[in-house]
Protein backbone atom coordinates (compact mmCIF):
# COMPACT_ATOMS: atom_id res chain seq x y z
CA UNK A 1 25.32 -4.45 69.30
CA UNK A 2 25.96 -8.21 69.53
CA UNK A 3 23.83 -8.41 72.69
CA UNK A 4 21.00 -6.67 70.83
CA UNK A 5 21.23 -9.21 68.01
CA UNK A 6 21.25 -12.12 70.46
CA UNK A 7 18.18 -10.65 72.11
CA UNK A 8 16.41 -10.32 68.74
CA UNK A 9 17.25 -13.94 67.87
CA UNK A 10 15.85 -15.12 71.20
CA UNK A 11 12.69 -13.14 70.61
CA UNK A 12 12.29 -14.70 67.15
CA UNK A 13 12.90 -18.22 68.49
CA UNK A 14 10.45 -17.64 71.31
CA UNK A 15 7.88 -16.33 68.86
CA UNK A 16 8.33 -19.38 66.63
CA UNK A 17 7.93 -21.72 69.60
CA UNK A 18 4.78 -19.93 70.71
CA UNK A 19 3.40 -20.18 67.16
CA UNK A 20 4.22 -23.89 66.95
CA UNK A 21 2.60 -24.56 70.33
CA UNK A 22 -0.46 -22.58 69.28
CA UNK A 23 -0.75 -24.59 66.06
CA UNK A 24 -0.40 -27.85 68.00
CA UNK A 25 -3.09 -26.72 70.44
CA UNK A 26 -5.43 -25.78 67.58
CA UNK A 27 -4.79 -29.13 65.90
CA UNK A 28 -5.51 -31.03 69.12
CA UNK A 29 -8.73 -29.09 69.66
CA UNK A 30 -9.88 -29.62 66.07
CA UNK A 31 -8.91 -33.31 66.10
CA UNK A 32 -10.68 -34.05 69.39
CA UNK A 33 -13.66 -36.39 69.03
CA UNK A 34 -16.98 -35.40 70.50
CA UNK A 35 -20.34 -37.16 70.65
CA UNK A 36 -23.45 -35.63 72.17
CA UNK A 37 -26.98 -36.99 72.31
CA UNK A 38 -29.38 -34.15 71.54
CA UNK A 39 -32.75 -35.95 71.82
CA UNK A 40 -34.25 -37.47 73.86
CA UNK A 41 -32.98 -35.48 76.81
CA UNK A 42 -34.92 -37.23 79.58
CA UNK A 43 -38.33 -36.87 81.29
CA UNK A 44 -40.16 -37.48 78.00
CA UNK A 45 -43.14 -39.83 77.69
CA UNK A 46 -43.31 -41.98 74.55
CA UNK A 47 -46.03 -44.38 73.42
CA UNK A 48 -45.39 -47.95 72.27
CA UNK A 49 -45.97 -48.28 68.54
CA UNK A 50 -44.99 -44.67 67.82
CA UNK A 51 -41.85 -43.33 66.13
CA UNK A 52 -39.28 -41.27 68.03
CA UNK A 53 -36.56 -39.34 66.20
CA UNK A 54 -33.23 -39.76 67.98
CA UNK A 55 -30.83 -36.87 67.35
CA UNK A 56 -27.11 -36.58 68.06
CA UNK A 57 -24.12 -34.44 67.13
CA UNK A 58 -20.71 -35.90 66.43
CA UNK A 59 -17.30 -34.40 65.80
CA UNK A 60 -14.81 -36.70 64.09
CA UNK A 61 -17.38 -39.46 64.62
CA UNK A 62 -18.48 -41.57 61.66
CA UNK A 63 -21.16 -44.10 62.55
CA UNK A 64 -22.84 -44.83 65.87
CA UNK A 65 -24.72 -47.68 67.52
CA UNK A 66 -27.87 -46.88 69.47
CA UNK A 67 -29.04 -48.79 72.54
CA UNK A 68 -32.19 -48.80 74.66
CA UNK A 69 -31.27 -49.23 78.33
CA UNK A 70 -33.59 -50.28 81.13
CA UNK A 71 -31.97 -48.98 84.31
CA UNK A 72 -34.11 -51.01 86.69
CA UNK A 73 -33.67 -54.34 84.90
CA UNK A 74 -30.04 -53.73 83.99
CA UNK A 75 -30.76 -54.62 80.37
CA UNK A 76 -29.31 -53.10 77.21
CA UNK A 77 -30.81 -53.71 73.77
CA UNK A 78 -29.38 -52.50 70.45
CA UNK A 79 -31.96 -50.68 68.32
CA UNK A 80 -29.66 -49.46 65.53
CA UNK A 81 -26.18 -50.43 64.34
CA UNK A 82 -23.74 -48.37 62.31
CA UNK A 83 -26.05 -45.44 61.54
CA UNK A 84 -24.89 -41.96 60.62
CA UNK A 85 -26.23 -38.52 59.77
CA UNK A 86 -27.12 -37.46 63.30
CA UNK A 87 -30.69 -38.74 63.03
CA UNK A 88 -32.47 -42.07 63.40
CA UNK A 89 -36.21 -42.74 63.39
CA UNK A 90 -36.84 -45.37 66.05
CA UNK A 91 -40.13 -47.24 65.75
CA UNK A 92 -40.96 -48.38 69.29
CA UNK A 93 -42.37 -51.89 69.29
CA UNK A 94 -46.08 -52.20 70.05
CA UNK A 95 -45.05 -54.67 72.74
CA UNK A 96 -42.28 -52.68 74.37
CA UNK A 97 -42.71 -53.20 78.10
CA UNK A 98 -44.14 -50.07 79.74
CA UNK A 99 -41.56 -48.72 82.19
CA UNK A 100 -40.36 -45.39 83.50
CA UNK A 101 -36.63 -46.15 83.71
CA UNK A 102 -35.51 -46.15 80.07
CA UNK A 103 -32.47 -44.39 78.63
CA UNK A 104 -31.05 -44.01 75.12
CA UNK A 105 -27.32 -44.41 74.58
CA UNK A 106 -25.39 -43.48 71.43
CA UNK A 107 -21.93 -44.98 71.19
CA UNK A 108 -19.22 -44.71 68.57
CA UNK A 109 -19.34 -47.58 66.06
CA UNK A 110 -15.72 -48.68 66.09
CA UNK A 111 -13.55 -51.66 66.98
CA UNK A 112 -11.41 -49.50 69.26
CA UNK A 113 -11.51 -50.34 72.95
CA UNK A 114 -12.11 -46.70 73.92
CA UNK A 115 -15.39 -45.49 72.46
CA UNK A 116 -17.06 -42.12 72.77
CA UNK A 117 -20.65 -42.27 73.97
CA UNK A 118 -23.44 -40.24 75.50
CA UNK A 119 -26.71 -41.08 77.26
CA UNK A 120 -30.05 -39.42 77.70
CA UNK A 121 -31.77 -38.87 81.00
CA UNK A 122 -34.47 -41.30 82.10
CA UNK A 123 -37.72 -41.29 80.12
CA UNK A 124 -40.94 -43.28 80.13
CA UNK A 125 -42.62 -45.60 77.63
CA UNK A 126 -46.33 -46.22 77.99
CA UNK A 127 -48.33 -48.81 76.09
CA UNK A 128 -51.82 -50.15 75.58
CA UNK A 129 -53.29 -52.31 78.31
CA UNK A 130 -54.32 -54.89 75.74
CA UNK A 131 -52.36 -55.58 72.58
CA UNK A 132 -53.10 -58.00 69.76
CA UNK A 133 -51.46 -59.31 66.62
CA UNK A 134 -53.89 -57.22 64.57
CA UNK A 135 -52.08 -54.11 65.81
CA UNK A 136 -48.91 -55.46 64.20
CA UNK A 137 -50.67 -56.70 61.05
CA UNK A 138 -52.07 -53.29 60.12
CA UNK A 139 -48.85 -51.20 59.95
CA UNK A 140 -46.81 -54.02 58.37
CA UNK A 141 -49.58 -54.98 55.93
CA UNK A 142 -49.14 -58.65 56.73
CA UNK A 143 -51.11 -61.30 58.58
CA UNK A 144 -49.77 -62.11 62.05
CA UNK A 145 -51.16 -64.95 64.15
CA UNK A 146 -50.98 -65.24 67.97
CA UNK A 147 -48.86 -68.11 69.25
CA UNK A 148 -51.80 -69.73 71.05
CA UNK A 149 -53.71 -70.17 67.77
CA UNK A 150 -54.33 -73.92 67.30
CA UNK A 151 -52.25 -76.14 65.01
CA UNK A 152 -49.38 -73.79 64.18
CA UNK A 153 -46.13 -75.02 62.61
CA UNK A 154 -43.23 -72.70 63.37
CA UNK A 155 -40.65 -72.63 60.59
CA UNK A 156 -37.19 -71.13 60.26
CA UNK A 157 -34.18 -71.41 57.95
CA UNK A 158 -30.87 -72.21 59.60
CA UNK A 159 -28.28 -69.49 59.95
CA UNK A 160 -25.51 -72.00 59.32
CA UNK A 161 -24.68 -73.48 55.92
CA UNK A 162 -23.90 -77.18 55.64
CA UNK A 163 -22.47 -79.62 53.10
CA UNK A 164 -24.28 -82.79 52.04
CA UNK A 165 -22.61 -84.66 54.90
CA UNK A 166 -25.22 -83.89 57.55
CA UNK A 167 -24.75 -87.06 59.55
CA UNK A 168 -27.87 -88.55 58.02
CA UNK A 169 -31.40 -87.42 58.82
CA UNK A 170 -30.70 -87.68 62.55
CA UNK A 171 -27.74 -85.33 62.17
CA UNK A 172 -29.85 -82.85 60.20
CA UNK A 173 -32.54 -82.93 62.90
CA UNK A 174 -29.90 -82.27 65.55
CA UNK A 175 -28.71 -79.22 63.59
CA UNK A 176 -32.25 -77.81 63.57
CA UNK A 177 -32.76 -78.50 67.27
CA UNK A 178 -29.43 -76.92 68.19
CA UNK A 179 -30.13 -73.76 66.20
CA UNK A 180 -33.66 -73.56 67.65
CA UNK A 181 -32.29 -73.72 71.18
CA UNK A 182 -29.67 -71.09 70.33
CA UNK A 183 -32.56 -68.82 69.30
CA UNK A 184 -34.28 -69.43 72.63
CA UNK A 185 -37.07 -71.52 71.09
CA UNK A 186 -38.81 -74.22 73.07
CA UNK A 187 -40.23 -77.32 71.42
CA UNK A 188 -38.94 -79.96 69.02
CA UNK A 189 -37.70 -79.04 65.54
CA UNK A 190 -36.67 -81.30 62.66
CA UNK A 191 -35.21 -80.71 59.21
CA UNK A 192 -37.55 -80.59 56.23
CA UNK A 193 -35.53 -83.31 54.55
CA UNK A 194 -35.92 -86.75 53.04
CA UNK A 195 -33.49 -89.36 51.73
CA UNK A 196 -33.57 -92.45 49.52
CA UNK A 197 -35.16 -94.56 52.26
CA UNK A 198 -37.91 -92.23 53.48
CA UNK A 199 -39.44 -88.97 52.26
CA UNK A 200 -39.93 -85.85 54.36
CA UNK A 201 -43.70 -86.25 54.06
CA UNK A 202 -43.49 -89.76 55.55
CA UNK A 203 -41.18 -89.00 58.46
CA UNK A 204 -42.42 -85.58 59.59
CA UNK A 205 -45.65 -84.16 60.96
CA UNK A 206 -46.38 -81.45 58.39
CA UNK A 207 -50.06 -80.85 59.15
CA UNK A 208 -50.81 -77.31 60.27
CA UNK A 209 -50.54 -73.62 59.49
CA UNK A 210 -46.99 -72.60 58.60
CA UNK A 211 -45.72 -69.48 60.37
CA UNK A 212 -42.34 -67.78 60.49
CA UNK A 213 -40.53 -67.64 63.80
CA UNK A 214 -41.00 -64.26 65.42
CA UNK A 215 -40.34 -62.85 68.88
CA UNK A 216 -42.84 -59.99 69.05
CA UNK A 217 -44.39 -60.52 72.46
CA UNK A 218 -47.97 -59.65 73.32
CA UNK A 219 -48.04 -58.15 76.80
CA UNK A 220 -50.70 -58.97 79.32
CA UNK A 221 -51.78 -56.63 82.07
CA UNK A 222 -49.02 -57.95 84.36
CA UNK A 223 -46.56 -55.79 82.41
CA UNK A 224 -48.35 -52.71 83.67
CA UNK A 225 -48.41 -53.68 87.35
CA UNK A 226 -44.87 -52.40 88.16
CA UNK A 227 -45.70 -49.11 86.48
CA UNK A 228 -48.90 -48.73 88.48
CA UNK A 229 -47.02 -49.58 91.69
CA UNK A 230 -44.46 -46.82 91.08
CA UNK A 231 -47.23 -44.40 90.18
CA UNK A 232 -48.91 -45.26 93.48
CA UNK A 233 -45.78 -44.14 95.35
CA UNK A 234 -45.85 -40.80 93.53
CA UNK A 235 -49.53 -40.49 94.40
CA UNK A 236 -48.72 -41.00 98.12
CA UNK A 237 -45.95 -38.41 98.03
CA UNK A 238 -48.26 -35.88 96.43
CA UNK A 239 -51.56 -36.49 98.20
CA UNK A 240 -51.00 -38.20 101.57
CA UNK A 241 -50.51 -34.97 103.49
CA UNK A 242 -49.63 -35.47 107.17
CA UNK A 243 -49.79 -39.25 106.76
CA UNK A 244 -47.22 -39.32 103.95
CA UNK A 245 -44.35 -40.59 106.11
CA UNK A 246 -46.43 -43.45 107.55
CA UNK A 247 -47.78 -44.43 104.14
CA UNK A 248 -44.29 -44.41 102.59
CA UNK A 249 -42.99 -46.68 105.36
CA UNK A 250 -45.83 -49.09 104.65
CA UNK A 251 -45.07 -48.84 100.92
CA UNK A 252 -41.43 -49.80 101.51
CA UNK A 253 -42.48 -52.78 103.63
CA UNK A 254 -44.85 -54.01 100.91
CA UNK A 255 -42.49 -53.33 98.00
CA UNK A 256 -40.44 -56.52 98.41
CA UNK A 257 -43.56 -58.69 98.78
CA UNK A 258 -45.08 -57.04 95.71
CA UNK A 259 -42.01 -57.88 93.60
CA UNK A 260 -42.23 -61.52 94.70
CA UNK A 261 -45.89 -61.49 93.65
CA UNK A 262 -44.96 -60.07 90.23
CA UNK A 263 -42.38 -62.78 89.67
CA UNK A 264 -44.95 -65.49 90.40
CA UNK A 265 -47.43 -63.87 88.03
CA UNK A 266 -44.84 -63.86 85.24
CA UNK A 267 -44.03 -67.53 85.86
CA UNK A 268 -47.68 -68.56 85.82
CA UNK A 269 -48.71 -66.65 82.71
CA UNK A 270 -47.59 -68.20 79.45
CA UNK A 271 -45.91 -65.72 77.13
CA UNK A 272 -47.75 -65.07 73.87
CA UNK A 273 -46.11 -64.08 70.60
CA UNK A 274 -47.12 -62.96 67.12
CA UNK A 275 -45.94 -65.06 64.19
CA UNK A 276 -45.90 -64.04 60.54
CA UNK A 277 -48.24 -66.20 58.47
CA UNK A 278 -46.41 -68.07 55.69
CA UNK A 279 -48.99 -70.49 54.37
CA UNK A 280 -52.22 -72.27 55.26
CA UNK A 281 -50.69 -75.75 54.69
CA UNK A 282 -47.43 -77.51 53.90
CA UNK A 283 -48.34 -78.31 50.28
CA UNK A 284 -49.24 -74.67 49.71
CA UNK A 285 -46.00 -73.59 51.43
CA UNK A 286 -43.83 -75.78 49.19
CA UNK A 287 -45.72 -74.86 46.04
CA UNK A 288 -45.17 -71.17 46.68
CA UNK A 289 -41.43 -71.75 46.94
CA UNK A 290 -40.89 -73.90 43.85
CA UNK A 291 -43.57 -72.70 41.45
CA UNK A 292 -43.29 -68.92 41.45
CA UNK A 293 -40.96 -66.16 40.37
CA UNK A 294 -38.79 -65.24 43.34
CA UNK A 295 -39.90 -61.62 43.03
CA UNK A 296 -43.31 -62.84 44.20
CA UNK A 297 -41.81 -64.58 47.22
CA UNK A 298 -41.57 -61.28 49.06
CA UNK A 299 -45.31 -61.00 48.56
CA UNK A 300 -45.91 -64.61 49.64
CA UNK A 301 -43.44 -64.85 52.52
CA UNK A 302 -42.11 -61.38 53.31
CA UNK A 303 -38.63 -60.03 52.70
CA UNK A 304 -36.86 -61.71 55.64
CA UNK A 305 -37.90 -65.28 54.76
CA UNK A 306 -37.23 -64.72 51.05
CA UNK A 307 -33.73 -63.48 51.89
CA UNK A 308 -33.03 -66.63 53.88
CA UNK A 309 -34.18 -68.75 50.94
CA UNK A 310 -31.65 -66.97 48.74
CA UNK A 311 -28.95 -68.99 50.52
CA UNK A 312 -30.38 -72.17 48.99
CA UNK A 313 -31.59 -75.13 51.07
CA UNK A 314 -31.21 -78.91 50.99
CA UNK A 315 -34.53 -80.77 50.83
CA UNK A 316 -33.95 -84.24 49.34
CA UNK A 317 -37.05 -86.31 48.69
CA UNK A 318 -40.12 -84.48 49.98
CA UNK A 319 -42.83 -86.81 48.65
CA UNK A 320 -42.72 -90.65 48.49
CA UNK A 321 -43.03 -90.60 44.69
CA UNK A 322 -39.98 -88.33 44.26
CA UNK A 323 -37.05 -89.76 42.29
CA UNK A 324 -34.26 -91.60 44.09
CA UNK A 325 -31.61 -91.45 41.35
CA UNK A 326 -30.54 -89.69 38.15
CA UNK A 327 -30.80 -86.21 39.59
CA UNK A 328 -29.75 -83.40 37.27
CA UNK A 329 -27.11 -81.32 39.04
CA UNK A 330 -25.82 -77.82 38.48
CA UNK A 331 -22.02 -77.87 38.44
CA UNK A 332 -18.99 -76.24 36.86
CA UNK A 333 -17.41 -79.52 35.77
CA UNK A 334 -19.19 -79.87 32.44
CA UNK A 335 -21.54 -82.39 30.89
CA UNK A 336 -19.85 -85.48 32.36
CA UNK A 337 -21.40 -84.65 35.73
CA UNK A 338 -24.79 -83.57 34.48
CA UNK A 339 -26.52 -86.25 36.55
CA UNK A 340 -26.08 -87.65 40.05
CA UNK A 341 -26.71 -91.29 40.91
CA UNK A 342 -28.16 -90.18 44.29
CA UNK A 343 -30.74 -87.52 45.16
CA UNK A 344 -29.72 -87.14 48.81
CA UNK A 345 -25.90 -87.19 48.92
CA UNK A 346 -25.98 -90.92 49.71
CA UNK A 347 -28.50 -90.42 52.50
CA UNK A 348 -26.80 -87.21 53.63
CA UNK A 349 -23.51 -88.92 54.45
CA UNK A 350 -21.01 -87.41 52.00
CA UNK A 351 -19.59 -84.03 51.03
CA UNK A 352 -18.00 -85.27 47.79
CA UNK A 353 -18.96 -84.03 44.34
CA UNK A 354 -18.23 -87.31 42.55
CA UNK A 355 -16.84 -90.81 42.94
CA UNK A 356 -14.16 -92.44 40.86
CA UNK A 357 -16.32 -95.08 39.20
CA UNK A 358 -19.40 -95.18 37.00
CA UNK A 359 -22.33 -96.08 39.22
CA UNK A 360 -25.34 -95.41 37.02
CA UNK A 361 -26.55 -94.88 33.48
CA UNK A 362 -29.03 -92.03 33.25
CA UNK A 363 -31.05 -90.67 30.35
CA UNK A 364 -31.93 -87.05 29.72
CA UNK A 365 -35.19 -85.71 28.27
CA UNK A 366 -33.93 -86.32 24.74
CA UNK A 367 -33.15 -89.96 25.50
CA UNK A 368 -29.39 -89.49 25.54
CA UNK A 369 -27.50 -91.84 27.85
CA UNK A 370 -25.09 -90.45 30.47
CA UNK A 371 -22.47 -92.36 32.43
CA UNK A 372 -22.90 -91.05 35.96
CA UNK A 373 -20.27 -90.74 38.71
CA UNK A 374 -21.33 -87.48 40.37
CA UNK A 375 -22.89 -87.12 43.81
CA UNK A 376 -25.65 -84.57 44.47
CA UNK A 377 -28.73 -83.80 46.47
CA UNK A 378 -32.10 -82.26 45.72
CA UNK A 379 -32.09 -78.63 46.76
CA UNK A 380 -34.12 -75.49 46.40
CA UNK A 381 -31.81 -72.88 45.00
CA UNK A 382 -32.34 -69.45 43.49
CA UNK A 383 -31.95 -69.13 39.75
CA UNK A 384 -32.01 -65.79 37.99
CA UNK A 385 -35.77 -65.38 38.27
CA UNK A 386 -37.19 -68.24 40.28
CA UNK A 387 -36.60 -71.05 42.75
CA UNK A 388 -36.56 -74.60 41.44
CA UNK A 389 -36.64 -78.03 43.03
CA UNK A 390 -36.10 -79.81 39.69
CA UNK A 391 -32.33 -79.67 40.03
CA UNK A 392 -29.77 -80.43 42.68
CA UNK A 393 -26.30 -79.36 43.70
CA UNK A 394 -23.08 -81.32 44.25
CA UNK A 395 -22.72 -82.54 47.82
CA UNK A 396 -19.71 -80.30 48.47
CA UNK A 397 -22.04 -77.28 48.21
CA UNK A 398 -22.93 -75.30 51.34
CA UNK A 399 -26.66 -74.77 51.87
CA UNK A 400 -29.07 -74.11 54.72
CA UNK A 401 -31.84 -76.31 56.10
CA UNK A 402 -35.54 -75.57 56.57
CA UNK A 403 -36.53 -76.49 60.13
CA UNK A 404 -40.14 -77.32 61.07
CA UNK A 405 -41.66 -77.63 64.53
CA UNK A 406 -42.91 -81.13 65.38
């Protein structure tokens, strides 16, 4: 009887263990992450300028990053970051280089070292033999100008934010040049900035058509040569008949020389880009910034440039007739620092908001006298509805710079 009971207990324990193991197995299976790219699969042909819907399925996967990979060039370019929902509409650039070795990769958007990912097979992107900036202007409803158009002034707003201690005008120019080089831009760039000794208009070359920096490249026919060369090999394989082996040997011998030729062509041909038109002249450019409701700036400059302006920018004295002292500043310290004795943070050499002594007597619009000890600089900053250059900020503020090609 006791043996029977012991046997029953063992059976029960064994059953419980089996149940626990089964539950653990189910939990592991359910908790396992999976990521699968559904489309594209591979062998597709897409056209530059068209939209491709990328599809994926994820299990226990939140967001993903999507990359375009060029197998032959060994390059990987992000086309979407932190997207979810299993679907992303990818607008292929009009100037995407035509190649037949592209892949799409979806990878888990996480800081973990181990990331789940999946790739498509190889597909092809074809493009127009001749492209122009008009082809970009139409879909974006904005004027784009080719980089070889005469008398262009490329403009950008710095990514970094800086106090009023810029190291003088030379230091500000160095900041612009450094950021330009970090963006891969060739040429000389200086800060749109003036101080008490010289205005921006006097020290800079501001004549020309103002355009926003852009890196949309216009391909020439040389971008199609590698594609044609690979197509020629396929043509040999399909149509050469009995001479196929001989022709393929000749193809292999010429392949290396052809690649050297392509490299020389790329070096000789100057790259052309499309730039977004900002304004026909500097005066018009500045007037648009300081005279209009910021809601109109998206219409004048486009959303990207308007967003950069939202950071606020130092400008100092733009025109020779601009004031050199008694600048009204926006500050949280109250009325005693309503005015600054300097309009350019003491020639862009200080990051202080005030000094300990009275340096100037200033008068407001009502004729009231103010004892001034604050330090500020003229800046373009966003107010609730508009940008204004009539006020400044204390020199311990952090603002961007507008950089202009010289």
